[in-house]
Amino acid sequence: MAGMTAAVLTLAGCGAGDPLVEDANEQLRSTSFHSSGTTTAFSGGTQEAWWDPKQGYHVKASWIGGSGEMFCKDGRTYTGVTLLANALKEKGQPVTVPERLAGEFVVTETEGGCETFFEIPEEAERAAGNDRTLHGRKAQAFTISAAGGARDTYYVDGESSRLLLLESARGGRSSTTEYDDYGELFPFSMPQDGNTMSMEEFRRQVTPG
């Protein structure tokens, strides 16, 4: 998934940060928005996400044969066990999850806060040659890449400073994520304490696949 992938991978770049990127990130942090598209995190995967500065971040992901959810608020991430199990499988670490854990969420701390799932890295560099028009708006391109061919290209509206599109490529997969509905209301509820567990507890209760 775009946001999850960006948070998991650290891409190398240079530069002190473009003012338009700074403005776009300020809007992403302070304004609610919706995003949807494909993802490089899972084979055949799609993702839909909602952010509200007061409520937090909510992600629904789907892949061939399954689906799962993730939430984040105040720097604490709640990952559904099915989503976590599939992520481990993608990394070559398959696990078998007991049915009794269905609907449970694994709680971890997210360094840098929930915004790390969707912010544009300040190292992203201007790529004027990739500029394009999106939905009638002139979008300026910013890219950041790393060894192994990993690359993210962010398209920001030059007038409103809103992120409109993210194109990602890594591990032989590519994804496209659109951002819209800035300022809209997206009501959702965070997982309850009774449905959460630590990563250590999760590891104790699952078995190698």
N, C-alpha and C. Protein backbone atom coordinates (compact mmCIF):
# COMPACT_ATOMS: atom_id res chain seq x y z
N MET A 1 0.83 -1.17 0.00
CA MET A 1 0.00 0.00 0.00
C MET A 1 0.87 1.22 0.00
N ALA A 2 0.37 2.27 -0.58
CA ALA A 2 1.25 3.42 -0.76
C ALA A 2 1.74 3.98 0.55
N GLY A 3 0.76 4.30 1.46
CA GLY A 3 1.17 4.87 2.71
C GLY A 3 2.00 3.94 3.55
N MET A 4 1.57 2.69 3.64
CA MET A 4 2.31 1.72 4.43
C MET A 4 3.70 1.49 3.85
N THR A 5 3.80 1.40 2.54
CA THR A 5 5.09 1.17 1.93
C THR A 5 6.03 2.33 2.20
N ALA A 6 5.53 3.54 2.10
CA ALA A 6 6.37 4.70 2.33
C ALA A 6 6.89 4.72 3.75
N ALA A 7 6.07 4.24 4.69
CA ALA A 7 6.50 4.24 6.08
C ALA A 7 7.51 3.14 6.35
N VAL A 8 7.39 2.02 5.66
CA VAL A 8 8.28 0.89 5.90
C VAL A 8 9.66 1.12 5.29
N LEU A 9 9.70 1.71 4.09
CA LEU A 9 10.96 1.89 3.39
C LEU A 9 11.52 3.29 3.61
N THR A 10 12.82 3.37 3.77
CA THR A 10 13.50 4.66 3.84
C THR A 10 14.22 4.88 2.54
N LEU A 11 13.80 5.92 1.82
CA LEU A 11 14.40 6.20 0.53
C LEU A 11 15.47 7.27 0.67
N ALA A 12 16.55 7.08 -0.06
CA ALA A 12 17.67 8.02 0.03
C ALA A 12 17.52 9.13 -0.98
N GLY A 13 17.74 10.37 -0.54
CA GLY A 13 17.68 11.49 -1.45
C GLY A 13 18.53 12.61 -0.90
N CYS A 14 18.41 13.79 -1.50
CA CYS A 14 19.16 14.91 -1.00
C CYS A 14 18.33 16.16 -1.20
N GLY A 15 18.74 17.23 -0.55
CA GLY A 15 18.01 18.48 -0.68
C GLY A 15 17.43 18.90 0.65
N ALA A 16 17.20 20.20 0.81
CA ALA A 16 16.72 20.75 2.06
C ALA A 16 15.20 20.80 2.12
N GLY A 17 14.50 20.44 1.05
CA GLY A 17 13.05 20.48 1.07
C GLY A 17 12.50 21.62 0.25
N ASP A 18 11.64 21.32 -0.70
CA ASP A 18 11.03 22.34 -1.55
C ASP A 18 9.86 22.99 -0.82
N PRO A 19 9.68 24.32 -0.96
CA PRO A 19 8.57 25.02 -0.28
C PRO A 19 7.21 24.42 -0.61
N LEU A 20 7.01 23.96 -1.86
CA LEU A 20 5.73 23.37 -2.23
C LEU A 20 5.51 22.06 -1.51
N VAL A 21 6.57 21.29 -1.32
CA VAL A 21 6.47 20.04 -0.56
C VAL A 21 6.13 20.34 0.89
N GLU A 22 6.75 21.35 1.45
CA GLU A 22 6.47 21.74 2.83
C GLU A 22 5.01 22.16 2.98
N ASP A 23 4.50 22.93 2.02
CA ASP A 23 3.10 23.36 2.07
C ASP A 23 2.16 22.17 1.92
N ALA A 24 2.51 21.24 1.02
CA ALA A 24 1.68 20.05 0.82
C ALA A 24 1.62 19.21 2.09
N ASN A 25 2.76 19.04 2.75
CA ASN A 25 2.79 18.27 3.98
C ASN A 25 2.00 18.94 5.10
N GLU A 26 2.05 20.25 5.16
CA GLU A 26 1.28 20.97 6.17
C GLU A 26 -0.21 20.73 5.96
N GLN A 27 -0.64 20.71 4.70
CA GLN A 27 -2.05 20.43 4.43
C GLN A 27 -2.40 18.98 4.77
N LEU A 28 -1.51 18.05 4.44
CA LEU A 28 -1.76 16.65 4.76
C LEU A 28 -1.88 16.44 6.26
N ARG A 29 -1.04 17.12 7.01
CA ARG A 29 -1.08 16.96 8.47
C ARG A 29 -2.31 17.59 9.09
N SER A 30 -2.72 18.74 8.59
CA SER A 30 -3.75 19.53 9.26
C SER A 30 -5.16 19.39 8.68
N THR A 31 -5.30 18.73 7.52
CA THR A 31 -6.59 18.64 6.85
C THR A 31 -6.97 17.19 6.60
N SER A 32 -8.24 16.88 6.77
CA SER A 32 -8.70 15.52 6.47
C SER A 32 -8.63 15.28 4.96
N PHE A 33 -8.44 14.01 4.58
CA PHE A 33 -8.42 13.65 3.17
C PHE A 33 -8.70 12.17 3.01
N HIS A 34 -8.95 11.77 1.76
CA HIS A 34 -9.19 10.38 1.41
C HIS A 34 -8.21 10.00 0.32
N SER A 35 -7.77 8.76 0.30
CA SER A 35 -6.88 8.28 -0.77
C SER A 35 -7.30 6.86 -1.15
N SER A 36 -7.03 6.49 -2.39
CA SER A 36 -7.37 5.15 -2.84
C SER A 36 -6.51 4.78 -4.04
N GLY A 37 -6.30 3.49 -4.22
CA GLY A 37 -5.52 3.03 -5.36
C GLY A 37 -4.93 1.65 -5.14
N THR A 38 -3.90 1.35 -5.89
CA THR A 38 -3.22 0.06 -5.78
C THR A 38 -2.05 0.20 -4.81
N THR A 39 -1.34 -0.89 -4.58
CA THR A 39 -0.24 -0.87 -3.63
C THR A 39 0.88 -1.81 -4.05
N THR A 40 2.10 -1.46 -3.71
CA THR A 40 3.24 -2.33 -3.98
C THR A 40 3.49 -3.30 -2.82
N ALA A 41 2.74 -3.13 -1.73
CA ALA A 41 2.98 -3.95 -0.55
C ALA A 41 2.53 -5.40 -0.73
N PHE A 42 1.45 -5.61 -1.51
CA PHE A 42 0.91 -6.95 -1.68
C PHE A 42 0.65 -7.24 -3.14
N SER A 43 0.78 -8.49 -3.52
CA SER A 43 0.48 -8.90 -4.88
C SER A 43 -1.02 -8.75 -5.13
N GLY A 44 -1.39 -8.00 -6.17
CA GLY A 44 -2.79 -7.79 -6.49
C GLY A 44 -3.52 -6.96 -5.46
N GLY A 45 -2.79 -6.15 -4.71
CA GLY A 45 -3.38 -5.42 -3.61
C GLY A 45 -3.95 -4.05 -3.97
N THR A 46 -4.97 -3.64 -3.21
CA THR A 46 -5.53 -2.29 -3.31
C THR A 46 -5.63 -1.72 -1.91
N GLN A 47 -5.79 -0.40 -1.84
CA GLN A 47 -5.85 0.26 -0.55
C GLN A 47 -6.74 1.48 -0.60
N GLU A 48 -7.49 1.69 0.47
CA GLU A 48 -8.27 2.91 0.63
C GLU A 48 -7.98 3.44 2.02
N ALA A 49 -7.78 4.75 2.16
CA ALA A 49 -7.40 5.31 3.45
C ALA A 49 -8.11 6.64 3.71
N TRP A 50 -8.28 6.93 4.99
CA TRP A 50 -8.89 8.17 5.43
C TRP A 50 -8.06 8.75 6.56
N TRP A 51 -7.87 10.06 6.53
CA TRP A 51 -7.12 10.73 7.59
C TRP A 51 -7.95 11.89 8.12
N ASP A 52 -7.97 12.01 9.42
CA ASP A 52 -8.58 13.15 10.09
C ASP A 52 -7.65 13.52 11.25
N PRO A 53 -7.16 14.76 11.30
CA PRO A 53 -6.21 15.13 12.34
C PRO A 53 -6.68 14.83 13.76
N LYS A 54 -8.00 14.87 13.98
CA LYS A 54 -8.52 14.62 15.33
C LYS A 54 -8.80 13.14 15.57
N GLN A 55 -9.24 12.44 14.53
CA GLN A 55 -9.61 11.03 14.71
C GLN A 55 -8.46 10.06 14.48
N GLY A 56 -7.57 10.40 13.53
CA GLY A 56 -6.47 9.52 13.22
C GLY A 56 -6.50 9.05 11.77
N TYR A 57 -5.83 7.94 11.52
CA TYR A 57 -5.65 7.40 10.17
C TYR A 57 -6.26 6.01 10.11
N HIS A 58 -7.00 5.74 9.04
CA HIS A 58 -7.67 4.45 8.89
C HIS A 58 -7.40 3.91 7.49
N VAL A 59 -6.95 2.67 7.41
CA VAL A 59 -6.63 2.04 6.13
C VAL A 59 -7.39 0.73 5.98
N LYS A 60 -7.99 0.53 4.80
CA LYS A 60 -8.57 -0.76 4.44
C LYS A 60 -7.79 -1.29 3.25
N ALA A 61 -7.19 -2.45 3.41
CA ALA A 61 -6.39 -3.04 2.34
C ALA A 61 -7.00 -4.37 1.92
N SER A 62 -6.84 -4.70 0.65
CA SER A 62 -7.30 -5.99 0.16
C SER A 62 -6.26 -6.57 -0.77
N TRP A 63 -6.22 -7.88 -0.85
CA TRP A 63 -5.28 -8.60 -1.69
C TRP A 63 -5.95 -9.88 -2.15
N ILE A 64 -5.29 -10.62 -3.00
CA ILE A 64 -5.87 -11.86 -3.51
C ILE A 64 -6.13 -12.82 -2.35
N GLY A 65 -7.40 -13.06 -2.08
CA GLY A 65 -7.77 -14.00 -1.03
C GLY A 65 -7.97 -13.42 0.35
N GLY A 66 -7.88 -12.11 0.50
CA GLY A 66 -8.07 -11.56 1.85
C GLY A 66 -8.15 -10.05 1.92
N SER A 67 -8.36 -9.56 3.14
CA SER A 67 -8.43 -8.12 3.37
C SER A 67 -8.10 -7.85 4.84
N GLY A 68 -7.80 -6.60 5.15
CA GLY A 68 -7.47 -6.26 6.52
C GLY A 68 -7.50 -4.76 6.73
N GLU A 69 -7.38 -4.36 7.99
CA GLU A 69 -7.44 -2.94 8.34
C GLU A 69 -6.27 -2.53 9.20
N MET A 70 -5.99 -1.24 9.19
CA MET A 70 -4.98 -0.65 10.06
C MET A 70 -5.49 0.71 10.51
N PHE A 71 -5.19 1.07 11.74
CA PHE A 71 -5.52 2.37 12.29
C PHE A 71 -4.27 2.98 12.89
N CYS A 72 -4.25 4.29 13.01
CA CYS A 72 -3.14 4.96 13.70
C CYS A 72 -3.67 6.24 14.34
N LYS A 73 -3.28 6.46 15.59
CA LYS A 73 -3.66 7.69 16.29
C LYS A 73 -2.62 7.99 17.36
N ASP A 74 -2.22 9.26 17.40
CA ASP A 74 -1.25 9.72 18.41
C ASP A 74 0.02 8.88 18.41
N GLY A 75 0.47 8.48 17.22
CA GLY A 75 1.72 7.74 17.11
C GLY A 75 1.61 6.28 17.44
N ARG A 76 0.41 5.79 17.68
CA ARG A 76 0.21 4.37 18.00
C ARG A 76 -0.54 3.72 16.85
N THR A 77 0.03 2.64 16.30
CA THR A 77 -0.56 1.96 15.15
C THR A 77 -1.22 0.65 15.57
N TYR A 78 -2.42 0.42 15.03
CA TYR A 78 -3.19 -0.78 15.31
C TYR A 78 -3.33 -1.54 13.98
N THR A 79 -2.63 -2.65 13.85
CA THR A 79 -2.65 -3.43 12.61
C THR A 79 -3.44 -4.70 12.80
N GLY A 80 -4.47 -4.90 11.97
CA GLY A 80 -5.27 -6.12 12.05
C GLY A 80 -4.40 -7.34 11.85
N VAL A 81 -4.69 -8.43 12.59
CA VAL A 81 -3.83 -9.61 12.53
C VAL A 81 -3.79 -10.20 11.11
N THR A 82 -4.89 -10.13 10.37
CA THR A 82 -4.87 -10.68 9.01
C THR A 82 -3.96 -9.86 8.10
N LEU A 83 -3.97 -8.55 8.30
CA LEU A 83 -3.10 -7.67 7.51
C LEU A 83 -1.65 -7.91 7.86
N LEU A 84 -1.37 -8.03 9.15
CA LEU A 84 0.00 -8.28 9.59
C LEU A 84 0.49 -9.63 9.11
N ALA A 85 -0.35 -10.65 9.19
CA ALA A 85 0.04 -11.98 8.74
C ALA A 85 0.36 -11.99 7.25
N ASN A 86 -0.44 -11.26 6.47
CA ASN A 86 -0.18 -11.22 5.04
C ASN A 86 1.10 -10.44 4.73
N ALA A 87 1.37 -9.39 5.51
CA ALA A 87 2.60 -8.63 5.31
C ALA A 87 3.81 -9.51 5.60
N LEU A 88 3.72 -10.32 6.64
CA LEU A 88 4.82 -11.24 6.96
C LEU A 88 5.00 -12.28 5.86
N LYS A 89 3.88 -12.76 5.31
CA LYS A 89 3.94 -13.72 4.22
C LYS A 89 4.66 -13.13 3.02
N GLU A 90 4.38 -11.86 2.71
CA GLU A 90 5.02 -11.19 1.59
C GLU A 90 6.53 -11.08 1.79
N LYS A 91 6.94 -11.07 3.05
CA LYS A 91 8.37 -10.98 3.36
C LYS A 91 9.01 -12.35 3.50
N GLY A 92 8.26 -13.40 3.18
CA GLY A 92 8.80 -14.75 3.28
C GLY A 92 8.76 -15.31 4.68
N GLN A 93 7.90 -14.75 5.57
CA GLN A 93 7.78 -15.23 6.93
C GLN A 93 6.33 -15.60 7.24
N PRO A 94 5.78 -16.60 6.55
CA PRO A 94 4.36 -16.95 6.75
C PRO A 94 4.09 -17.46 8.15
N VAL A 95 2.91 -17.10 8.69
CA VAL A 95 2.49 -17.57 10.01
C VAL A 95 1.04 -18.06 9.91
N THR A 96 0.68 -18.96 10.82
CA THR A 96 -0.69 -19.44 10.91
C THR A 96 -1.35 -18.74 12.10
N VAL A 97 -2.46 -18.05 11.82
CA VAL A 97 -3.15 -17.28 12.86
C VAL A 97 -4.38 -18.03 13.33
N PRO A 98 -4.50 -18.31 14.62
CA PRO A 98 -5.69 -18.99 15.16
C PRO A 98 -6.96 -18.19 14.88
N GLU A 99 -8.07 -18.88 14.64
CA GLU A 99 -9.32 -18.20 14.35
C GLU A 99 -9.75 -17.28 15.48
N ARG A 100 -9.37 -17.62 16.70
CA ARG A 100 -9.79 -16.81 17.84
C ARG A 100 -9.21 -15.39 17.81
N LEU A 101 -8.18 -15.20 16.97
CA LEU A 101 -7.57 -13.89 16.89
C LEU A 101 -8.20 -13.01 15.80
N ALA A 102 -9.16 -13.57 15.08
CA ALA A 102 -9.83 -12.78 14.04
C ALA A 102 -10.46 -11.53 14.66
N GLY A 103 -10.22 -10.41 14.05
CA GLY A 103 -10.76 -9.15 14.58
C GLY A 103 -9.85 -8.47 15.59
N GLU A 104 -8.72 -9.11 15.93
CA GLU A 104 -7.76 -8.51 16.87
C GLU A 104 -6.79 -7.59 16.13
N PHE A 105 -6.20 -6.65 16.88
CA PHE A 105 -5.24 -5.71 16.33
C PHE A 105 -3.96 -5.72 17.15
N VAL A 106 -2.83 -5.65 16.46
CA VAL A 106 -1.52 -5.62 17.11
C VAL A 106 -1.09 -4.17 17.23
N VAL A 107 -0.74 -3.76 18.44
CA VAL A 107 -0.41 -2.36 18.73
C VAL A 107 1.10 -2.15 18.74
N THR A 108 1.56 -1.16 17.99
CA THR A 108 2.98 -0.80 17.96
C THR A 108 3.10 0.72 17.98
N GLU A 109 4.25 1.20 18.41
CA GLU A 109 4.51 2.63 18.38
C GLU A 109 5.13 3.00 17.04
N THR A 110 4.69 4.11 16.46
CA THR A 110 5.17 4.56 15.15
C THR A 110 6.06 5.77 15.32
N GLU A 111 7.36 5.57 15.08
CA GLU A 111 8.31 6.67 15.20
C GLU A 111 7.98 7.76 14.19
N GLY A 112 7.88 8.97 14.65
CA GLY A 112 7.56 10.09 13.76
C GLY A 112 6.08 10.39 13.68
N GLY A 113 5.25 9.54 14.31
CA GLY A 113 3.82 9.78 14.32
C GLY A 113 3.11 9.19 13.11
N CYS A 114 1.78 9.25 13.15
CA CYS A 114 0.96 8.67 12.08
C CYS A 114 1.21 9.34 10.74
N GLU A 115 1.67 10.59 10.76
CA GLU A 115 1.90 11.32 9.51
C GLU A 115 2.95 10.66 8.63
N THR A 116 3.80 9.83 9.21
CA THR A 116 4.84 9.18 8.40
C THR A 116 4.25 8.25 7.34
N PHE A 117 2.99 7.87 7.51
CA PHE A 117 2.35 6.98 6.54
C PHE A 117 2.01 7.69 5.24
N PHE A 118 1.92 9.03 5.27
CA PHE A 118 1.48 9.72 4.06
C PHE A 118 2.26 10.99 3.71
N GLU A 119 3.12 11.47 4.57
CA GLU A 119 3.87 12.68 4.25
C GLU A 119 4.83 12.47 3.08
N ILE A 120 5.10 13.55 2.36
CA ILE A 120 6.10 13.52 1.30
C ILE A 120 7.47 13.71 1.94
N PRO A 121 8.43 12.83 1.71
CA PRO A 121 9.76 13.01 2.30
C PRO A 121 10.35 14.35 1.90
N GLU A 122 10.94 15.06 2.84
CA GLU A 122 11.49 16.38 2.52
C GLU A 122 12.66 16.28 1.54
N GLU A 123 13.23 15.08 1.40
CA GLU A 123 14.32 14.89 0.45
C GLU A 123 13.85 14.77 -1.00
N ALA A 124 12.54 14.70 -1.21
CA ALA A 124 12.00 14.57 -2.57
C ALA A 124 12.47 15.73 -3.43
N GLU A 125 12.93 15.42 -4.64
CA GLU A 125 13.49 16.43 -5.53
C GLU A 125 12.53 16.78 -6.66
N ARG A 126 12.58 18.02 -7.06
CA ARG A 126 11.73 18.50 -8.16
C ARG A 126 12.08 17.75 -9.44
N ALA A 127 11.04 17.28 -10.15
CA ALA A 127 11.23 16.56 -11.41
C ALA A 127 10.30 17.18 -12.45
N ALA A 128 10.66 18.38 -12.90
CA ALA A 128 9.80 19.15 -13.80
C ALA A 128 9.44 18.38 -15.07
N GLY A 129 10.33 17.49 -15.51
CA GLY A 129 10.06 16.73 -16.71
C GLY A 129 8.90 15.77 -16.58
N ASN A 130 8.48 15.49 -15.34
CA ASN A 130 7.36 14.59 -15.10
C ASN A 130 6.06 15.32 -14.80
N ASP A 131 6.08 16.65 -14.83
CA ASP A 131 4.87 17.42 -14.56
C ASP A 131 3.74 16.98 -15.50
N ARG A 132 2.52 17.06 -15.00
CA ARG A 132 1.37 16.69 -15.83
C ARG A 132 0.12 17.44 -15.36
N THR A 133 -0.94 17.34 -16.13
CA THR A 133 -2.22 17.92 -15.76
C THR A 133 -3.13 16.82 -15.25
N LEU A 134 -3.65 17.00 -14.03
CA LEU A 134 -4.51 16.00 -13.40
C LEU A 134 -5.86 16.63 -13.07
N HIS A 135 -6.91 16.12 -13.65
CA HIS A 135 -8.25 16.64 -13.41
C HIS A 135 -8.31 18.16 -13.63
N GLY A 136 -7.62 18.60 -14.68
CA GLY A 136 -7.64 20.01 -15.02
C GLY A 136 -6.70 20.88 -14.21
N ARG A 137 -5.91 20.27 -13.34
CA ARG A 137 -4.98 21.02 -12.49
C ARG A 137 -3.54 20.72 -12.89
N LYS A 138 -2.71 21.75 -12.89
CA LYS A 138 -1.31 21.57 -13.22
C LYS A 138 -0.58 21.05 -12.00
N ALA A 139 -0.08 19.82 -12.10
CA ALA A 139 0.58 19.17 -10.98
C ALA A 139 2.08 19.14 -11.17
N GLN A 140 2.81 19.55 -10.15
CA GLN A 140 4.27 19.53 -10.17
C GLN A 140 4.77 18.22 -9.56
N ALA A 141 5.76 17.62 -10.21
CA ALA A 141 6.26 16.31 -9.79
C ALA A 141 7.50 16.42 -8.90
N PHE A 142 7.55 15.55 -7.90
CA PHE A 142 8.69 15.44 -7.00
C PHE A 142 9.01 13.96 -6.84
N THR A 143 10.27 13.60 -6.96
CA THR A 143 10.63 12.19 -6.90
C THR A 143 11.68 11.92 -5.82
N ILE A 144 11.68 10.68 -5.38
CA ILE A 144 12.69 10.22 -4.44
C ILE A 144 12.91 8.74 -4.73
N SER A 145 14.17 8.31 -4.73
CA SER A 145 14.47 6.93 -5.11
C SER A 145 15.55 6.34 -4.22
N ALA A 146 15.73 5.03 -4.35
CA ALA A 146 16.72 4.32 -3.54
C ALA A 146 17.30 3.19 -4.36
N ALA A 147 18.34 2.57 -3.84
CA ALA A 147 18.97 1.44 -4.52
C ALA A 147 17.95 0.33 -4.71
N GLY A 148 18.11 -0.41 -5.78
CA GLY A 148 17.19 -1.50 -6.05
C GLY A 148 16.02 -1.11 -6.92
N GLY A 149 16.00 0.14 -7.36
CA GLY A 149 14.94 0.58 -8.25
C GLY A 149 13.71 1.13 -7.57
N ALA A 150 13.70 1.22 -6.24
CA ALA A 150 12.55 1.79 -5.54
C ALA A 150 12.43 3.28 -5.89
N ARG A 151 11.23 3.71 -6.20
CA ARG A 151 11.03 5.09 -6.61
C ARG A 151 9.60 5.55 -6.31
N ASP A 152 9.46 6.75 -5.77
CA ASP A 152 8.16 7.36 -5.54
C ASP A 152 8.12 8.69 -6.26
N THR A 153 7.01 8.97 -6.95
CA THR A 153 6.81 10.26 -7.59
C THR A 153 5.51 10.86 -7.07
N TYR A 154 5.62 12.03 -6.47
CA TYR A 154 4.48 12.74 -5.90
C TYR A 154 4.09 13.88 -6.82
N TYR A 155 2.78 14.03 -7.05
CA TYR A 155 2.26 15.10 -7.90
C TYR A 155 1.45 16.05 -7.03
N VAL A 156 1.91 17.31 -6.96
CA VAL A 156 1.29 18.31 -6.09
C VAL A 156 0.69 19.44 -6.92
N ASP A 157 -0.53 19.81 -6.62
CA ASP A 157 -1.19 20.93 -7.29
C ASP A 157 -0.41 22.21 -6.99
N GLY A 158 0.09 22.85 -8.04
CA GLY A 158 0.90 24.05 -7.86
C GLY A 158 0.15 25.22 -7.27
N GLU A 159 -1.20 25.23 -7.39
CA GLU A 159 -1.98 26.35 -6.87
C GLU A 159 -2.46 26.10 -5.44
N SER A 160 -3.05 24.94 -5.19
CA SER A 160 -3.60 24.66 -3.87
C SER A 160 -2.60 24.01 -2.92
N SER A 161 -1.47 23.54 -3.46
CA SER A 161 -0.43 22.82 -2.69
C SER A 161 -0.96 21.51 -2.12
N ARG A 162 -1.97 20.94 -2.75
CA ARG A 162 -2.50 19.66 -2.29
C ARG A 162 -1.89 18.51 -3.08
N LEU A 163 -1.55 17.44 -2.36
CA LEU A 163 -1.06 16.23 -3.01
C LEU A 163 -2.23 15.61 -3.77
N LEU A 164 -2.02 15.33 -5.06
CA LEU A 164 -3.07 14.77 -5.90
C LEU A 164 -2.85 13.30 -6.24
N LEU A 165 -1.58 12.92 -6.40
CA LEU A 165 -1.30 11.58 -6.89
C LEU A 165 0.08 11.11 -6.44
N LEU A 166 0.19 9.82 -6.16
CA LEU A 166 1.47 9.20 -5.84
C LEU A 166 1.64 7.97 -6.72
N GLU A 167 2.76 7.90 -7.43
CA GLU A 167 3.10 6.72 -8.21
C GLU A 167 4.34 6.09 -7.59
N SER A 168 4.28 4.79 -7.31
CA SER A 168 5.38 4.10 -6.66
C SER A 168 5.80 2.87 -7.44
N ALA A 169 7.07 2.53 -7.32
CA ALA A 169 7.59 1.32 -7.95
C ALA A 169 8.67 0.74 -7.05
N ARG A 170 8.55 -0.55 -6.75
CA ARG A 170 9.58 -1.26 -5.97
C ARG A 170 9.31 -2.75 -6.05
N GLY A 171 10.39 -3.50 -6.03
CA GLY A 171 10.28 -4.94 -6.04
C GLY A 171 9.56 -5.51 -7.26
N GLY A 172 9.65 -4.81 -8.39
CA GLY A 172 8.98 -5.28 -9.60
C GLY A 172 7.50 -4.96 -9.65
N ARG A 173 6.99 -4.26 -8.65
CA ARG A 173 5.57 -3.88 -8.62
C ARG A 173 5.43 -2.36 -8.75
N SER A 174 4.28 -1.94 -9.22
CA SER A 174 4.01 -0.50 -9.32
C SER A 174 2.63 -0.22 -8.75
N SER A 175 2.41 1.01 -8.28
CA SER A 175 1.12 1.38 -7.72
C SER A 175 0.81 2.83 -8.02
N THR A 176 -0.47 3.16 -7.99
CA THR A 176 -0.94 4.52 -8.19
C THR A 176 -1.98 4.83 -7.13
N THR A 177 -1.81 5.93 -6.41
CA THR A 177 -2.73 6.33 -5.36
C THR A 177 -3.20 7.75 -5.60
N GLU A 178 -4.52 7.96 -5.61
CA GLU A 178 -5.09 9.29 -5.78
C GLU A 178 -5.54 9.84 -4.43
N TYR A 179 -5.39 11.15 -4.26
CA TYR A 179 -5.77 11.83 -3.03
C TYR A 179 -6.89 12.83 -3.35
N ASP A 180 -7.95 12.80 -2.53
CA ASP A 180 -9.09 13.69 -2.80
C ASP A 180 -9.88 13.96 -1.51
N ASP A 181 -11.02 14.59 -1.68
CA ASP A 181 -11.95 14.87 -0.58
C ASP A 181 -11.29 15.58 0.60
N TYR A 182 -10.42 16.53 0.31
CA TYR A 182 -9.80 17.32 1.38
C TYR A 182 -10.86 18.09 2.16
N GLY A 183 -10.76 18.03 3.47
CA GLY A 183 -11.68 18.79 4.32
C GLY A 183 -13.00 18.10 4.62
N GLU A 184 -13.23 16.91 4.06
CA GLU A 184 -14.48 16.19 4.30
C GLU A 184 -14.42 15.47 5.66
N LEU A 185 -15.60 15.04 6.13
CA LEU A 185 -15.69 14.32 7.39
C LEU A 185 -15.71 12.82 7.12
N PHE A 186 -14.89 12.07 7.88
CA PHE A 186 -14.81 10.62 7.72
C PHE A 186 -14.91 9.97 9.09
N PRO A 187 -16.11 9.75 9.60
CA PRO A 187 -16.25 9.14 10.92
C PRO A 187 -15.81 7.68 10.96
N PHE A 188 -14.97 7.33 11.92
CA PHE A 188 -14.58 5.94 12.15
C PHE A 188 -14.13 5.82 13.60
N SER A 189 -14.13 4.60 14.10
CA SER A 189 -13.79 4.34 15.50
C SER A 189 -12.50 3.54 15.59
N MET A 190 -11.66 3.89 16.55
CA MET A 190 -10.43 3.15 16.78
C MET A 190 -10.73 1.83 17.46
N PRO A 191 -9.85 0.83 17.31
CA PRO A 191 -10.05 -0.47 17.98
C PRO A 191 -10.10 -0.29 19.50
N GLN A 192 -10.93 -1.09 20.14
CA GLN A 192 -11.05 -1.04 21.59
C GLN A 192 -9.94 -1.84 22.26
N ASP A 193 -9.61 -1.47 23.49
CA ASP A 193 -8.52 -2.14 24.21
C ASP A 193 -8.72 -3.64 24.29
N GLY A 194 -9.97 -4.09 24.38
CA GLY A 194 -10.25 -5.51 24.50
C GLY A 194 -9.94 -6.29 23.25
N ASN A 195 -9.71 -5.58 22.14
CA ASN A 195 -9.41 -6.24 20.87
C ASN A 195 -7.98 -5.99 20.41
N THR A 196 -7.09 -5.66 21.34
CA THR A 196 -5.72 -5.35 20.97
C THR A 196 -4.73 -6.24 21.72
N MET A 197 -3.53 -6.36 21.16
CA MET A 197 -2.46 -7.11 21.79
C MET A 197 -1.12 -6.53 21.37
N SER A 198 -0.08 -6.86 22.10
CA SER A 198 1.26 -6.39 21.76
C SER A 198 1.85 -7.29 20.68
N MET A 199 2.91 -6.84 20.06
CA MET A 199 3.60 -7.64 19.07
C MET A 199 4.15 -8.92 19.70
N GLU A 200 4.63 -8.82 20.92
CA GLU A 200 5.16 -9.99 21.61
C GLU A 200 4.08 -11.03 21.83
N GLU A 201 2.89 -10.58 22.21
CA GLU A 201 1.78 -11.51 22.43
C GLU A 201 1.36 -12.15 21.11
N PHE A 202 1.35 -11.36 20.04
CA PHE A 202 1.01 -11.88 18.72
C PHE A 202 1.97 -13.01 18.34
N ARG A 203 3.25 -12.78 18.53
CA ARG A 203 4.25 -13.79 18.18
C ARG A 203 4.08 -15.06 19.00
N ARG A 204 3.65 -14.91 20.25
CA ARG A 204 3.47 -16.09 21.08
C ARG A 204 2.27 -16.94 20.63
N GLN A 205 1.28 -16.28 20.05
CA GLN A 205 0.03 -16.97 19.73
C GLN A 205 -0.06 -17.49 18.30
N VAL A 206 0.87 -17.11 17.45
CA VAL A 206 0.87 -17.62 16.08
C VAL A 206 1.98 -18.65 15.92
N THR A 207 1.86 -19.46 14.88
CA THR A 207 2.87 -20.46 14.60
C THR A 207 3.37 -20.29 13.18
N PRO A 208 4.61 -20.70 12.92
CA PRO A 208 5.12 -20.59 11.56
C PRO A 208 4.21 -21.28 10.56
N GLY A 209 4.01 -20.63 9.38
CA GLY A 209 3.09 -21.18 8.39
C GLY A 209 3.65 -22.39 7.68
